[in-house]
N, C-alpha and C. Protein backbone atom coordinates (compact mmCIF):
# COMPACT_ATOMS: atom_id res chain seq x y z
N MET A 1 0.84 -1.19 0.00
CA MET A 1 0.00 0.00 0.00
C MET A 1 0.88 1.24 0.00
N PRO A 2 0.35 2.39 -0.44
CA PRO A 2 1.15 3.60 -0.44
C PRO A 2 1.65 3.95 0.96
N GLU A 3 2.80 4.64 1.01
CA GLU A 3 3.36 5.06 2.28
C GLU A 3 2.49 6.16 2.89
N ARG A 4 2.67 6.38 4.18
CA ARG A 4 1.93 7.43 4.88
C ARG A 4 2.10 8.76 4.15
N GLY A 5 1.01 9.47 3.96
CA GLY A 5 1.06 10.74 3.26
C GLY A 5 0.67 10.65 1.81
N GLU A 6 0.80 9.47 1.20
CA GLU A 6 0.37 9.30 -0.17
C GLU A 6 -1.14 9.07 -0.20
N LYS A 7 -1.76 9.51 -1.26
CA LYS A 7 -3.21 9.43 -1.33
C LYS A 7 -3.68 8.50 -2.45
N LEU A 8 -2.75 7.80 -3.07
CA LEU A 8 -3.12 6.94 -4.18
C LEU A 8 -3.81 5.67 -3.67
N ALA A 9 -5.02 5.42 -4.13
CA ALA A 9 -5.71 4.18 -3.81
C ALA A 9 -5.30 3.12 -4.85
N PRO A 10 -5.44 1.85 -4.53
CA PRO A 10 -5.18 0.82 -5.53
C PRO A 10 -6.21 0.87 -6.64
N LEU A 11 -5.91 0.22 -7.75
CA LEU A 11 -6.89 0.01 -8.80
C LEU A 11 -7.77 -1.17 -8.43
N GLY A 12 -8.98 -1.19 -8.95
CA GLY A 12 -9.90 -2.28 -8.68
C GLY A 12 -10.12 -3.14 -9.91
N VAL A 13 -10.22 -4.45 -9.71
CA VAL A 13 -10.46 -5.39 -10.80
C VAL A 13 -11.59 -6.33 -10.38
N ILE A 14 -12.67 -6.30 -11.15
CA ILE A 14 -13.81 -7.18 -10.90
C ILE A 14 -13.62 -8.45 -11.72
N LEU A 15 -13.63 -9.58 -11.06
CA LEU A 15 -13.37 -10.87 -11.70
C LEU A 15 -14.66 -11.48 -12.21
N ALA A 16 -14.78 -11.55 -13.53
CA ALA A 16 -15.98 -12.13 -14.17
C ALA A 16 -15.58 -13.09 -15.28
N GLY A 17 -14.45 -13.75 -15.10
CA GLY A 17 -13.92 -14.58 -16.17
C GLY A 17 -14.41 -16.01 -16.20
N GLY A 18 -15.27 -16.40 -15.24
CA GLY A 18 -15.73 -17.79 -15.17
C GLY A 18 -16.81 -18.11 -16.18
N GLN A 19 -17.22 -19.37 -16.19
CA GLN A 19 -18.20 -19.84 -17.17
C GLN A 19 -19.60 -20.04 -16.60
N ALA A 20 -19.79 -19.80 -15.31
CA ALA A 20 -21.13 -19.83 -14.68
C ALA A 20 -21.88 -21.12 -14.97
N THR A 21 -21.21 -22.25 -14.81
CA THR A 21 -21.82 -23.54 -15.16
C THR A 21 -23.02 -23.86 -14.29
N ARG A 22 -23.01 -23.45 -13.02
CA ARG A 22 -24.14 -23.76 -12.13
C ARG A 22 -25.35 -22.88 -12.41
N MET A 23 -25.15 -21.82 -13.20
CA MET A 23 -26.28 -20.99 -13.62
C MET A 23 -26.72 -21.34 -15.03
N GLY A 24 -26.17 -22.43 -15.57
CA GLY A 24 -26.52 -22.84 -16.92
C GLY A 24 -25.70 -22.14 -18.00
N GLY A 25 -24.54 -21.57 -17.60
CA GLY A 25 -23.71 -20.85 -18.55
C GLY A 25 -24.12 -19.40 -18.68
N GLY A 26 -23.39 -18.66 -19.48
CA GLY A 26 -23.68 -17.24 -19.66
C GLY A 26 -23.00 -16.40 -18.61
N ASP A 27 -23.40 -15.14 -18.56
CA ASP A 27 -22.76 -14.19 -17.67
C ASP A 27 -23.61 -13.95 -16.43
N LYS A 28 -23.15 -14.45 -15.29
CA LYS A 28 -23.85 -14.16 -14.04
C LYS A 28 -23.89 -12.65 -13.79
N ALA A 29 -22.82 -11.98 -14.15
CA ALA A 29 -22.71 -10.55 -13.86
C ALA A 29 -23.82 -9.73 -14.51
N LEU A 30 -24.42 -10.27 -15.57
CA LEU A 30 -25.45 -9.52 -16.29
C LEU A 30 -26.87 -9.91 -15.87
N LEU A 31 -27.01 -10.82 -14.92
CA LEU A 31 -28.34 -11.19 -14.44
C LEU A 31 -29.01 -10.01 -13.74
N ASP A 32 -30.31 -9.93 -13.90
CA ASP A 32 -31.06 -8.82 -13.30
C ASP A 32 -31.16 -8.99 -11.79
N LEU A 33 -30.84 -7.91 -11.09
CA LEU A 33 -30.96 -7.88 -9.64
C LEU A 33 -31.53 -6.53 -9.26
N GLY A 34 -32.82 -6.50 -8.95
CA GLY A 34 -33.46 -5.25 -8.58
C GLY A 34 -33.57 -4.25 -9.71
N GLY A 35 -33.69 -4.76 -10.93
CA GLY A 35 -33.87 -3.87 -12.06
C GLY A 35 -32.59 -3.43 -12.75
N THR A 36 -31.42 -3.83 -12.23
CA THR A 36 -30.15 -3.54 -12.87
C THR A 36 -29.29 -4.79 -12.87
N PRO A 37 -28.31 -4.88 -13.77
CA PRO A 37 -27.44 -6.05 -13.77
C PRO A 37 -26.70 -6.18 -12.44
N MET A 38 -26.45 -7.42 -12.05
CA MET A 38 -25.72 -7.65 -10.81
C MET A 38 -24.38 -6.92 -10.80
N LEU A 39 -23.73 -6.87 -11.96
CA LEU A 39 -22.44 -6.19 -12.05
C LEU A 39 -22.55 -4.73 -11.63
N ALA A 40 -23.67 -4.08 -11.91
CA ALA A 40 -23.83 -2.67 -11.55
C ALA A 40 -23.76 -2.48 -10.04
N HIS A 41 -24.27 -3.46 -9.28
CA HIS A 41 -24.21 -3.37 -7.82
C HIS A 41 -22.77 -3.48 -7.33
N VAL A 42 -22.00 -4.38 -7.96
CA VAL A 42 -20.60 -4.54 -7.59
C VAL A 42 -19.83 -3.26 -7.90
N ILE A 43 -20.05 -2.69 -9.09
CA ILE A 43 -19.38 -1.45 -9.48
C ILE A 43 -19.72 -0.33 -8.50
N ARG A 44 -20.99 -0.21 -8.16
CA ARG A 44 -21.43 0.88 -7.28
C ARG A 44 -20.73 0.82 -5.93
N ARG A 45 -20.49 -0.38 -5.43
CA ARG A 45 -19.85 -0.51 -4.12
C ARG A 45 -18.33 -0.38 -4.18
N LEU A 46 -17.73 -0.86 -5.26
CA LEU A 46 -16.26 -0.88 -5.33
C LEU A 46 -15.68 0.42 -5.87
N ARG A 47 -16.34 1.05 -6.82
CA ARG A 47 -15.76 2.21 -7.50
C ARG A 47 -15.30 3.32 -6.55
N PRO A 48 -16.08 3.69 -5.51
CA PRO A 48 -15.63 4.77 -4.64
C PRO A 48 -14.37 4.43 -3.83
N GLN A 49 -14.01 3.15 -3.79
CA GLN A 49 -12.88 2.73 -2.95
C GLN A 49 -11.56 2.67 -3.70
N VAL A 50 -11.58 2.80 -5.02
CA VAL A 50 -10.38 2.57 -5.83
C VAL A 50 -10.09 3.76 -6.74
N ALA A 51 -8.88 3.78 -7.28
CA ALA A 51 -8.45 4.88 -8.15
C ALA A 51 -8.91 4.69 -9.59
N GLY A 52 -9.28 3.49 -9.95
CA GLY A 52 -9.76 3.17 -11.28
C GLY A 52 -10.27 1.75 -11.26
N LEU A 53 -11.06 1.37 -12.26
CA LEU A 53 -11.75 0.09 -12.21
C LEU A 53 -11.71 -0.57 -13.58
N ALA A 54 -11.51 -1.89 -13.59
CA ALA A 54 -11.54 -2.68 -14.81
C ALA A 54 -12.26 -4.00 -14.53
N LEU A 55 -12.61 -4.68 -15.61
CA LEU A 55 -13.35 -5.94 -15.53
C LEU A 55 -12.54 -7.03 -16.20
N ASN A 56 -12.29 -8.11 -15.49
CA ASN A 56 -11.66 -9.29 -16.09
C ASN A 56 -12.76 -10.19 -16.63
N ALA A 57 -12.81 -10.33 -17.96
CA ALA A 57 -13.81 -11.17 -18.60
C ALA A 57 -13.25 -11.67 -19.92
N ASN A 58 -13.75 -12.82 -20.35
CA ASN A 58 -13.27 -13.44 -21.59
C ASN A 58 -14.36 -13.40 -22.67
N ASP A 59 -13.97 -13.79 -23.88
CA ASP A 59 -14.85 -13.79 -25.05
C ASP A 59 -15.17 -12.34 -25.46
N ASP A 60 -16.31 -12.11 -26.07
CA ASP A 60 -16.61 -10.82 -26.67
C ASP A 60 -16.79 -9.73 -25.61
N PRO A 61 -15.91 -8.71 -25.57
CA PRO A 61 -16.05 -7.67 -24.54
C PRO A 61 -17.22 -6.73 -24.79
N ALA A 62 -17.81 -6.78 -26.00
CA ALA A 62 -18.87 -5.82 -26.34
C ALA A 62 -20.08 -5.95 -25.42
N ARG A 63 -20.30 -7.13 -24.85
CA ARG A 63 -21.47 -7.30 -23.99
C ARG A 63 -21.38 -6.49 -22.71
N PHE A 64 -20.19 -5.98 -22.39
CA PHE A 64 -20.00 -5.15 -21.21
C PHE A 64 -19.81 -3.68 -21.56
N ALA A 65 -20.03 -3.33 -22.82
CA ALA A 65 -19.72 -1.97 -23.27
C ALA A 65 -20.48 -0.91 -22.49
N GLY A 66 -21.69 -1.21 -22.06
CA GLY A 66 -22.51 -0.23 -21.37
C GLY A 66 -21.99 0.18 -20.00
N PHE A 67 -21.01 -0.55 -19.48
CA PHE A 67 -20.49 -0.22 -18.15
C PHE A 67 -19.31 0.74 -18.19
N GLY A 68 -18.75 0.95 -19.37
CA GLY A 68 -17.67 1.91 -19.52
C GLY A 68 -16.37 1.54 -18.84
N LEU A 69 -16.11 0.24 -18.67
CA LEU A 69 -14.89 -0.22 -18.01
C LEU A 69 -13.96 -0.89 -19.02
N PRO A 70 -12.65 -0.77 -18.83
CA PRO A 70 -11.73 -1.61 -19.61
C PRO A 70 -12.03 -3.08 -19.33
N VAL A 71 -12.01 -3.91 -20.36
CA VAL A 71 -12.24 -5.34 -20.21
C VAL A 71 -10.92 -6.07 -20.44
N LEU A 72 -10.48 -6.81 -19.44
CA LEU A 72 -9.18 -7.47 -19.45
C LEU A 72 -9.38 -8.98 -19.60
N PRO A 73 -9.03 -9.58 -20.74
CA PRO A 73 -9.14 -11.03 -20.87
C PRO A 73 -7.98 -11.73 -20.17
N ASP A 74 -8.20 -13.00 -19.85
CA ASP A 74 -7.09 -13.82 -19.34
C ASP A 74 -5.99 -13.89 -20.38
N SER A 75 -4.74 -13.90 -19.92
CA SER A 75 -3.62 -14.06 -20.86
C SER A 75 -3.30 -15.53 -21.11
N LEU A 76 -3.92 -16.43 -20.35
CA LEU A 76 -3.74 -17.86 -20.55
C LEU A 76 -5.03 -18.45 -21.09
N PRO A 77 -4.95 -19.42 -22.01
CA PRO A 77 -6.16 -20.01 -22.59
C PRO A 77 -6.82 -21.00 -21.66
N GLY A 78 -8.08 -21.35 -21.98
CA GLY A 78 -8.75 -22.46 -21.31
C GLY A 78 -9.43 -22.13 -20.01
N PHE A 79 -9.74 -20.87 -19.74
CA PHE A 79 -10.42 -20.47 -18.51
C PHE A 79 -9.70 -21.03 -17.27
N PRO A 80 -8.47 -20.58 -17.01
CA PRO A 80 -7.72 -21.15 -15.89
C PRO A 80 -8.24 -20.77 -14.52
N GLY A 81 -9.21 -19.86 -14.45
CA GLY A 81 -9.78 -19.52 -13.16
C GLY A 81 -9.40 -18.13 -12.69
N PRO A 82 -9.86 -17.77 -11.49
CA PRO A 82 -9.68 -16.39 -11.01
C PRO A 82 -8.23 -15.97 -10.82
N LEU A 83 -7.33 -16.93 -10.59
CA LEU A 83 -5.92 -16.55 -10.44
C LEU A 83 -5.39 -15.92 -11.73
N ALA A 84 -5.88 -16.40 -12.88
CA ALA A 84 -5.50 -15.78 -14.15
C ALA A 84 -6.09 -14.38 -14.27
N GLY A 85 -7.28 -14.17 -13.68
CA GLY A 85 -7.87 -12.84 -13.66
C GLY A 85 -7.06 -11.87 -12.81
N VAL A 86 -6.52 -12.37 -11.71
CA VAL A 86 -5.64 -11.55 -10.89
C VAL A 86 -4.42 -11.11 -11.72
N LEU A 87 -3.85 -12.05 -12.46
CA LEU A 87 -2.69 -11.71 -13.29
C LEU A 87 -3.06 -10.68 -14.35
N ALA A 88 -4.20 -10.84 -14.99
CA ALA A 88 -4.63 -9.85 -15.98
C ALA A 88 -4.76 -8.47 -15.35
N GLY A 89 -5.28 -8.44 -14.13
CA GLY A 89 -5.40 -7.18 -13.42
C GLY A 89 -4.06 -6.58 -13.07
N LEU A 90 -3.12 -7.41 -12.65
CA LEU A 90 -1.79 -6.91 -12.31
C LEU A 90 -1.07 -6.38 -13.54
N ASP A 91 -1.22 -7.06 -14.66
CA ASP A 91 -0.60 -6.57 -15.90
C ASP A 91 -1.19 -5.21 -16.30
N TRP A 92 -2.49 -5.06 -16.15
CA TRP A 92 -3.14 -3.78 -16.45
C TRP A 92 -2.64 -2.70 -15.50
N ALA A 93 -2.55 -3.02 -14.22
CA ALA A 93 -2.08 -2.04 -13.25
C ALA A 93 -0.65 -1.61 -13.54
N ALA A 94 0.18 -2.55 -13.98
CA ALA A 94 1.56 -2.20 -14.32
C ALA A 94 1.59 -1.19 -15.47
N ARG A 95 0.73 -1.39 -16.46
CA ARG A 95 0.67 -0.45 -17.58
C ARG A 95 0.17 0.92 -17.13
N GLU A 96 -0.68 0.92 -16.09
CA GLU A 96 -1.23 2.17 -15.57
C GLU A 96 -0.31 2.84 -14.55
N GLY A 97 0.77 2.18 -14.20
CA GLY A 97 1.70 2.76 -13.23
C GLY A 97 1.26 2.62 -11.79
N ALA A 98 0.38 1.69 -11.50
CA ALA A 98 -0.12 1.48 -10.14
C ALA A 98 0.72 0.43 -9.43
N SER A 99 0.68 0.47 -8.10
CA SER A 99 1.47 -0.48 -7.32
C SER A 99 0.67 -1.67 -6.84
N HIS A 100 -0.68 -1.52 -6.74
CA HIS A 100 -1.51 -2.58 -6.20
C HIS A 100 -2.86 -2.62 -6.91
N ILE A 101 -3.50 -3.78 -6.84
CA ILE A 101 -4.90 -3.89 -7.21
C ILE A 101 -5.66 -4.52 -6.05
N VAL A 102 -6.96 -4.27 -6.03
CA VAL A 102 -7.88 -5.01 -5.17
C VAL A 102 -8.87 -5.71 -6.08
N THR A 103 -9.05 -7.00 -5.87
CA THR A 103 -9.97 -7.79 -6.68
C THR A 103 -11.27 -8.05 -5.93
N ALA A 104 -12.34 -8.20 -6.72
CA ALA A 104 -13.66 -8.53 -6.17
C ALA A 104 -14.38 -9.40 -7.18
N ALA A 105 -15.22 -10.29 -6.70
CA ALA A 105 -15.96 -11.18 -7.59
C ALA A 105 -17.20 -10.48 -8.14
N ALA A 106 -17.49 -10.74 -9.41
CA ALA A 106 -18.62 -10.09 -10.08
C ALA A 106 -19.97 -10.64 -9.64
N ASP A 107 -19.98 -11.75 -8.90
CA ASP A 107 -21.25 -12.36 -8.48
C ASP A 107 -21.54 -12.12 -7.00
N THR A 108 -20.93 -11.06 -6.44
CA THR A 108 -21.07 -10.79 -5.01
C THR A 108 -21.56 -9.36 -4.83
N PRO A 109 -22.88 -9.15 -4.96
CA PRO A 109 -23.41 -7.79 -5.06
C PRO A 109 -23.47 -7.00 -3.76
N PHE A 110 -23.16 -7.63 -2.63
CA PHE A 110 -23.25 -6.94 -1.35
C PHE A 110 -21.87 -6.75 -0.70
N LEU A 111 -20.83 -6.70 -1.51
CA LEU A 111 -19.46 -6.63 -1.00
C LEU A 111 -19.28 -5.43 -0.07
N PRO A 112 -18.33 -5.51 0.87
CA PRO A 112 -18.19 -4.45 1.88
C PRO A 112 -17.78 -3.11 1.27
N THR A 113 -18.39 -2.05 1.76
CA THR A 113 -17.98 -0.71 1.31
C THR A 113 -16.64 -0.31 1.93
N GLY A 114 -16.18 -1.04 2.93
CA GLY A 114 -14.85 -0.83 3.50
C GLY A 114 -13.86 -1.90 3.11
N LEU A 115 -14.08 -2.54 1.97
CA LEU A 115 -13.21 -3.64 1.54
C LEU A 115 -11.76 -3.21 1.43
N VAL A 116 -11.51 -2.15 0.68
CA VAL A 116 -10.14 -1.77 0.36
C VAL A 116 -9.39 -1.33 1.62
N SER A 117 -10.03 -0.53 2.46
CA SER A 117 -9.34 -0.05 3.66
C SER A 117 -9.02 -1.19 4.62
N THR A 118 -9.92 -2.16 4.74
CA THR A 118 -9.68 -3.28 5.65
C THR A 118 -8.57 -4.19 5.13
N LEU A 119 -8.57 -4.45 3.83
CA LEU A 119 -7.48 -5.23 3.24
C LEU A 119 -6.14 -4.53 3.43
N GLY A 120 -6.12 -3.23 3.16
CA GLY A 120 -4.88 -2.48 3.31
C GLY A 120 -4.37 -2.47 4.73
N ALA A 121 -5.28 -2.33 5.69
CA ALA A 121 -4.88 -2.31 7.09
C ALA A 121 -4.29 -3.66 7.51
N ALA A 122 -4.88 -4.76 7.03
CA ALA A 122 -4.37 -6.08 7.37
C ALA A 122 -2.97 -6.30 6.80
N ALA A 123 -2.78 -5.89 5.55
CA ALA A 123 -1.46 -6.04 4.92
C ALA A 123 -0.41 -5.22 5.67
N LYS A 124 -0.77 -4.01 6.04
CA LYS A 124 0.18 -3.14 6.76
C LYS A 124 0.48 -3.70 8.14
N ARG A 125 -0.54 -4.15 8.83
CA ARG A 125 -0.38 -4.66 10.20
C ARG A 125 0.55 -5.86 10.24
N GLU A 126 0.44 -6.73 9.24
CA GLU A 126 1.22 -7.97 9.24
C GLU A 126 2.43 -7.89 8.32
N HIS A 127 2.68 -6.70 7.75
CA HIS A 127 3.81 -6.51 6.82
C HIS A 127 3.77 -7.57 5.73
N ALA A 128 2.58 -7.78 5.19
CA ALA A 128 2.35 -8.84 4.21
C ALA A 128 2.21 -8.24 2.81
N PRO A 129 2.65 -8.96 1.77
CA PRO A 129 2.52 -8.44 0.41
C PRO A 129 1.09 -8.51 -0.11
N ILE A 130 0.31 -9.45 0.40
CA ILE A 130 -1.05 -9.73 -0.06
C ILE A 130 -1.96 -9.77 1.16
N ALA A 131 -3.21 -9.38 0.99
CA ALA A 131 -4.21 -9.59 2.04
C ALA A 131 -5.45 -10.19 1.39
N LEU A 132 -6.05 -11.17 2.06
CA LEU A 132 -7.26 -11.83 1.59
C LEU A 132 -8.39 -11.61 2.58
N ALA A 133 -9.58 -11.39 2.06
CA ALA A 133 -10.75 -11.22 2.92
C ALA A 133 -11.12 -12.54 3.58
N ALA A 134 -11.69 -12.43 4.79
CA ALA A 134 -12.12 -13.62 5.52
C ALA A 134 -13.28 -13.25 6.43
N THR A 135 -14.13 -14.23 6.68
CA THR A 135 -15.17 -14.13 7.69
C THR A 135 -15.10 -15.37 8.56
N SER A 136 -16.07 -15.54 9.43
CA SER A 136 -16.07 -16.71 10.31
C SER A 136 -16.16 -18.02 9.53
N SER A 137 -16.65 -17.94 8.28
CA SER A 137 -16.77 -19.16 7.46
C SER A 137 -15.47 -19.50 6.73
N GLY A 138 -14.47 -18.62 6.78
CA GLY A 138 -13.20 -18.90 6.13
C GLY A 138 -12.78 -17.79 5.19
N LEU A 139 -11.79 -18.08 4.37
CA LEU A 139 -11.25 -17.11 3.42
C LEU A 139 -12.19 -16.91 2.24
N HIS A 140 -12.15 -15.70 1.69
CA HIS A 140 -12.84 -15.36 0.44
C HIS A 140 -11.76 -14.84 -0.51
N PRO A 141 -10.98 -15.76 -1.10
CA PRO A 141 -9.73 -15.35 -1.75
C PRO A 141 -9.87 -14.55 -3.03
N THR A 142 -11.06 -14.50 -3.64
CA THR A 142 -11.21 -13.63 -4.80
C THR A 142 -11.31 -12.17 -4.40
N PHE A 143 -11.40 -11.90 -3.11
CA PHE A 143 -11.36 -10.54 -2.58
C PHE A 143 -10.00 -10.33 -1.93
N GLY A 144 -9.10 -9.68 -2.65
CA GLY A 144 -7.75 -9.54 -2.14
C GLY A 144 -7.06 -8.28 -2.59
N LEU A 145 -6.01 -7.95 -1.86
CA LEU A 145 -5.09 -6.86 -2.21
C LEU A 145 -3.82 -7.51 -2.73
N TRP A 146 -3.39 -7.10 -3.95
CA TRP A 146 -2.29 -7.77 -4.63
C TRP A 146 -1.27 -6.74 -5.13
N PRO A 147 0.03 -6.97 -4.91
CA PRO A 147 1.04 -6.03 -5.40
C PRO A 147 1.47 -6.36 -6.82
N VAL A 148 1.65 -5.33 -7.61
CA VAL A 148 2.12 -5.51 -8.98
C VAL A 148 3.50 -6.19 -9.01
N SER A 149 4.26 -6.00 -7.96
CA SER A 149 5.61 -6.56 -7.92
C SER A 149 5.64 -8.08 -7.97
N LEU A 150 4.50 -8.75 -7.70
CA LEU A 150 4.47 -10.22 -7.72
C LEU A 150 3.92 -10.78 -9.03
N ARG A 151 3.68 -9.92 -10.03
CA ARG A 151 3.00 -10.44 -11.22
C ARG A 151 3.85 -11.44 -12.00
N ASP A 152 5.15 -11.25 -12.05
CA ASP A 152 5.98 -12.22 -12.78
C ASP A 152 6.03 -13.56 -12.06
N ASP A 153 6.07 -13.53 -10.72
CA ASP A 153 6.01 -14.78 -9.96
C ASP A 153 4.68 -15.48 -10.19
N LEU A 154 3.60 -14.72 -10.24
CA LEU A 154 2.29 -15.32 -10.48
C LEU A 154 2.20 -15.91 -11.88
N ARG A 155 2.75 -15.23 -12.85
CA ARG A 155 2.73 -15.75 -14.22
C ARG A 155 3.45 -17.10 -14.30
N LEU A 156 4.61 -17.18 -13.66
CA LEU A 156 5.35 -18.44 -13.66
C LEU A 156 4.57 -19.54 -12.95
N ALA A 157 3.90 -19.19 -11.86
CA ALA A 157 3.12 -20.19 -11.12
C ALA A 157 1.96 -20.70 -11.96
N LEU A 158 1.28 -19.80 -12.65
CA LEU A 158 0.17 -20.21 -13.51
C LEU A 158 0.66 -21.10 -14.64
N GLU A 159 1.77 -20.75 -15.24
CA GLU A 159 2.32 -21.56 -16.33
C GLU A 159 2.75 -22.94 -15.84
N ALA A 160 3.06 -23.02 -14.54
CA ALA A 160 3.45 -24.30 -13.94
C ALA A 160 2.24 -25.09 -13.45
N GLY A 161 1.04 -24.51 -13.56
CA GLY A 161 -0.17 -25.25 -13.21
C GLY A 161 -0.90 -24.77 -11.98
N ALA A 162 -0.44 -23.72 -11.31
CA ALA A 162 -1.15 -23.21 -10.13
C ALA A 162 -2.53 -22.72 -10.54
N ARG A 163 -3.54 -23.05 -9.76
CA ARG A 163 -4.90 -22.62 -10.05
C ARG A 163 -5.65 -22.12 -8.82
N LYS A 164 -5.24 -22.51 -7.64
CA LYS A 164 -5.98 -22.16 -6.42
C LYS A 164 -5.48 -20.81 -5.88
N VAL A 165 -6.40 -19.86 -5.81
CA VAL A 165 -6.03 -18.51 -5.41
C VAL A 165 -5.46 -18.51 -4.00
N ALA A 166 -6.18 -19.10 -3.05
CA ALA A 166 -5.73 -19.04 -1.66
C ALA A 166 -4.39 -19.73 -1.48
N ALA A 167 -4.20 -20.88 -2.11
CA ALA A 167 -2.96 -21.62 -1.93
C ALA A 167 -1.76 -20.80 -2.38
N TRP A 168 -1.89 -20.16 -3.54
CA TRP A 168 -0.77 -19.36 -4.03
C TRP A 168 -0.56 -18.13 -3.15
N ALA A 169 -1.63 -17.44 -2.79
CA ALA A 169 -1.50 -16.23 -1.99
C ALA A 169 -0.91 -16.54 -0.61
N LEU A 170 -1.38 -17.59 0.03
CA LEU A 170 -0.85 -17.95 1.35
C LEU A 170 0.61 -18.35 1.26
N GLY A 171 0.99 -18.94 0.13
CA GLY A 171 2.38 -19.28 -0.08
C GLY A 171 3.29 -18.07 -0.19
N GLN A 172 2.68 -16.91 -0.50
CA GLN A 172 3.43 -15.66 -0.56
C GLN A 172 3.38 -14.90 0.76
N GLY A 173 2.75 -15.48 1.78
CA GLY A 173 2.67 -14.83 3.07
C GLY A 173 1.49 -13.90 3.24
N ALA A 174 0.36 -14.22 2.60
CA ALA A 174 -0.81 -13.34 2.64
C ALA A 174 -1.34 -13.18 4.06
N ALA A 175 -1.80 -11.95 4.34
CA ALA A 175 -2.48 -11.67 5.60
C ALA A 175 -3.96 -11.98 5.46
N ARG A 176 -4.60 -12.20 6.59
CA ARG A 176 -6.04 -12.42 6.64
C ARG A 176 -6.71 -11.14 7.13
N ALA A 177 -7.64 -10.62 6.34
CA ALA A 177 -8.39 -9.42 6.70
C ALA A 177 -9.80 -9.84 7.10
N ASP A 178 -10.13 -9.70 8.36
CA ASP A 178 -11.40 -10.22 8.87
C ASP A 178 -12.52 -9.20 8.73
N PHE A 179 -13.67 -9.68 8.27
CA PHE A 179 -14.88 -8.88 8.11
C PHE A 179 -16.01 -9.54 8.89
N PRO A 180 -16.91 -8.76 9.48
CA PRO A 180 -18.08 -9.36 10.14
C PRO A 180 -19.03 -9.95 9.11
N ASP A 181 -19.68 -11.03 9.47
CA ASP A 181 -20.66 -11.63 8.56
C ASP A 181 -22.04 -11.74 9.19
N THR A 182 -22.28 -10.93 10.21
CA THR A 182 -23.61 -10.81 10.80
C THR A 182 -23.99 -9.33 10.85
N PRO A 183 -25.24 -8.98 10.66
CA PRO A 183 -26.38 -9.88 10.44
C PRO A 183 -26.46 -10.44 9.03
N GLN A 184 -25.66 -9.89 8.08
CA GLN A 184 -25.67 -10.39 6.72
C GLN A 184 -24.24 -10.66 6.27
N ASP A 185 -24.08 -11.67 5.42
CA ASP A 185 -22.76 -12.00 4.88
C ASP A 185 -22.47 -11.08 3.70
N PRO A 186 -21.44 -10.21 3.79
CA PRO A 186 -21.16 -9.30 2.68
C PRO A 186 -20.58 -10.01 1.46
N PHE A 187 -20.13 -11.24 1.64
CA PHE A 187 -19.53 -11.99 0.54
C PHE A 187 -20.47 -13.05 -0.03
N PHE A 188 -21.75 -12.94 0.29
CA PHE A 188 -22.73 -13.84 -0.31
C PHE A 188 -22.61 -13.76 -1.83
N ASN A 189 -22.43 -14.92 -2.46
CA ASN A 189 -22.25 -14.91 -3.91
C ASN A 189 -23.32 -15.74 -4.60
N VAL A 190 -23.63 -15.35 -5.80
CA VAL A 190 -24.73 -15.93 -6.58
C VAL A 190 -24.16 -17.00 -7.50
N ASN A 191 -24.37 -18.25 -7.14
CA ASN A 191 -23.88 -19.36 -7.95
C ASN A 191 -25.00 -20.14 -8.62
N THR A 192 -26.19 -20.09 -8.06
CA THR A 192 -27.30 -20.91 -8.54
C THR A 192 -28.55 -20.04 -8.67
N PRO A 193 -29.57 -20.53 -9.38
CA PRO A 193 -30.84 -19.78 -9.42
C PRO A 193 -31.42 -19.53 -8.03
N GLU A 194 -31.22 -20.46 -7.12
CA GLU A 194 -31.71 -20.27 -5.75
C GLU A 194 -30.98 -19.12 -5.06
N ASP A 195 -29.68 -19.02 -5.30
CA ASP A 195 -28.91 -17.91 -4.75
C ASP A 195 -29.42 -16.58 -5.30
N LEU A 196 -29.74 -16.56 -6.58
CA LEU A 196 -30.23 -15.32 -7.19
C LEU A 196 -31.55 -14.89 -6.54
N ALA A 197 -32.41 -15.86 -6.28
CA ALA A 197 -33.67 -15.54 -5.61
C ALA A 197 -33.42 -14.98 -4.21
N LEU A 198 -32.45 -15.53 -3.49
CA LEU A 198 -32.12 -15.02 -2.16
C LEU A 198 -31.57 -13.61 -2.24
N ALA A 199 -30.72 -13.35 -3.24
CA ALA A 199 -30.16 -12.01 -3.41
C ALA A 199 -31.25 -11.00 -3.72
N ARG A 200 -32.20 -11.39 -4.56
CA ARG A 200 -33.31 -10.49 -4.88
C ARG A 200 -34.15 -10.19 -3.64
N ALA A 201 -34.38 -11.21 -2.82
CA ALA A 201 -35.15 -11.01 -1.60
C ALA A 201 -34.39 -10.13 -0.62
N ARG A 202 -33.10 -10.32 -0.53
CA ARG A 202 -32.28 -9.51 0.39
C ARG A 202 -32.30 -8.04 -0.06
N LEU A 203 -32.18 -7.81 -1.35
CA LEU A 203 -32.19 -6.45 -1.86
C LEU A 203 -33.56 -5.80 -1.65
N ALA A 204 -34.61 -6.56 -1.94
CA ALA A 204 -35.96 -6.02 -1.79
C ALA A 204 -36.29 -5.70 -0.34
N GLY A 205 -35.68 -6.46 0.58
CA GLY A 205 -35.93 -6.22 1.99
C GLY A 205 -35.04 -5.16 2.60
N GLY A 206 -34.20 -4.54 1.77
CA GLY A 206 -33.32 -3.50 2.27
C GLY A 206 -32.23 -4.01 3.18
N ARG A 207 -31.82 -5.27 2.97
CA ARG A 207 -30.82 -5.87 3.85
C ARG A 207 -29.48 -6.00 3.14
N ALA A 208 -29.17 -5.07 2.23
CA ALA A 208 -27.89 -5.12 1.52
C ALA A 208 -26.75 -4.68 2.41
């Protein structure tokens, strides 16, 4: 994170590179939630916390044109998973001259409005290069603070077959950033039609 006195926030990268197999394929991020795409809820919560925002997604980027975000495809073929999305974000941040990114999942519309500050505080407290979000249920590794300085190490790990976000991050000495998950879980993610119904009910009840 920036040194004391600096005001630069990290860049934000929303991870939407998966294939949404449990939703029958397609883009979960574009599913309707309260009259707007689910992705719009993620953007609304994350954008105020970061210096700039991009979307990691594969295939035709035109379907996201209405959001006005740079679309970053994976640099490795075959949908290697969110760790490849982290790398795409780090490569983008390097081109932008940024030192860090914060990642968030595109299917998690109630993410914390204090995500970035809590991740940064955990990394600083533990002198760690990476911080991962966690609640009482465990780690939420797609929500993390990542330094651009590790992008070459991550590229080599991916080329060697690494796929698990938490395993790689913890191997680099990642800190755990704890978030409350009561009365509502801020990392509730939409994986199934039943999850989408729950998210719609939560939003309608004003429990975001």
